[in-house]
Amino acid sequence: MKKIELDGEIADKITILNLQDYLNYLQKELDDFDNGNYMHDDDIAHSVKIIPALKMVIREFGGDIDE
């Protein structure tokens, strides 16, 4: 089996893109909730708690945050 190797910059970029995608998903879910869509209380609490942490990690990897 062949191995695929990525340098650190590419691996960091992939990580940033995945984290940004998850952040955008959580923010959209909260926006939808604010506009009247149902969201379970546990999901709301989780999103409110994890969004700031995601922003911190994205910045740590050199990513940008749309605010």
Protein backbone atom coordinates (compact mmCIF):
# COMPACT_ATOMS: atom_id res chain seq x y z
CA MET A 1 0.00 0.00 0.00
CA LYS A 2 1.31 3.46 -0.92
CA LYS A 3 1.57 6.14 1.72
CA ILE A 4 0.58 9.72 1.13
CA GLU A 5 2.68 12.28 2.94
CA LEU A 6 1.67 15.88 3.52
CA ASP A 7 3.91 18.63 4.74
CA GLY A 8 2.97 20.53 7.89
CA GLU A 9 1.57 23.57 6.08
CA ILE A 10 -0.83 21.48 4.02
CA ALA A 11 -1.92 19.47 7.06
CA ASP A 12 -2.54 22.72 8.99
CA LYS A 13 -4.58 24.13 6.09
CA ILE A 14 -6.73 20.99 5.96
CA THR A 15 -7.25 21.25 9.72
CA ILE A 16 -8.20 24.94 9.45
CA LEU A 17 -10.70 24.26 6.66
CA ASN A 18 -12.36 21.46 8.62
CA LEU A 19 -12.57 23.54 11.80
CA GLN A 20 -13.94 26.55 9.89
CA ASP A 21 -16.56 24.33 8.26
CA TYR A 22 -17.66 23.01 11.66
CA LEU A 23 -17.70 26.54 13.11
CA ASN A 24 -19.85 27.79 10.23
CA TYR A 25 -22.23 24.85 10.71
CA LEU A 26 -22.66 25.56 14.43
CA GLN A 27 -23.15 29.27 13.84
CA LYS A 28 -25.76 28.57 11.14
CA GLU A 29 -27.61 26.21 13.48
CA LEU A 30 -27.74 28.93 16.17
CA ASP A 31 -28.83 31.52 13.58
CA ASP A 32 -31.61 29.18 12.44
CA PHE A 33 -32.65 28.73 16.08
CA ASP A 34 -32.75 32.52 16.53
CA ASN A 35 -35.05 32.63 13.49
CA GLY A 36 -37.53 30.20 15.04
CA ASN A 37 -36.20 26.75 14.11
CA TYR A 38 -36.16 24.09 16.82
CA MET A 39 -32.88 23.21 18.48
CA HIS A 40 -32.48 20.93 21.49
CA ASP A 41 -31.34 22.65 24.70
CA ASP A 42 -28.25 20.41 24.93
CA ASP A 43 -27.25 21.33 21.36
CA ILE A 44 -27.65 25.03 22.12
CA ALA A 45 -25.50 24.76 25.23
CA HIS A 46 -22.86 22.75 23.35
CA SER A 47 -22.70 25.22 20.45
CA VAL A 48 -22.49 28.25 22.73
CA LYS A 49 -19.63 26.61 24.61
CA ILE A 50 -17.68 25.20 21.64
CA ILE A 51 -17.83 28.19 19.25
CA PRO A 52 -15.32 30.33 21.21
CA ALA A 53 -13.02 27.32 21.58
CA LEU A 54 -13.14 26.63 17.84
CA LYS A 55 -12.29 30.26 17.10
CA MET A 56 -9.28 30.04 19.42
CA VAL A 57 -8.01 26.82 17.81
CA ILE A 58 -8.54 28.14 14.27
CA ARG A 59 -6.51 31.25 15.11
CA GLU A 60 -3.82 29.05 16.69
CA PHE A 61 -3.46 27.19 13.38
CA GLY A 62 -3.21 30.51 11.51
CA GLY A 63 -6.77 30.65 10.20
CA ASP A 64 -9.08 33.62 9.89
CA ILE A 65 -12.44 34.06 11.57
CA ASP A 66 -15.33 35.92 9.89
CA GLU A 67 -16.80 38.10 12.60
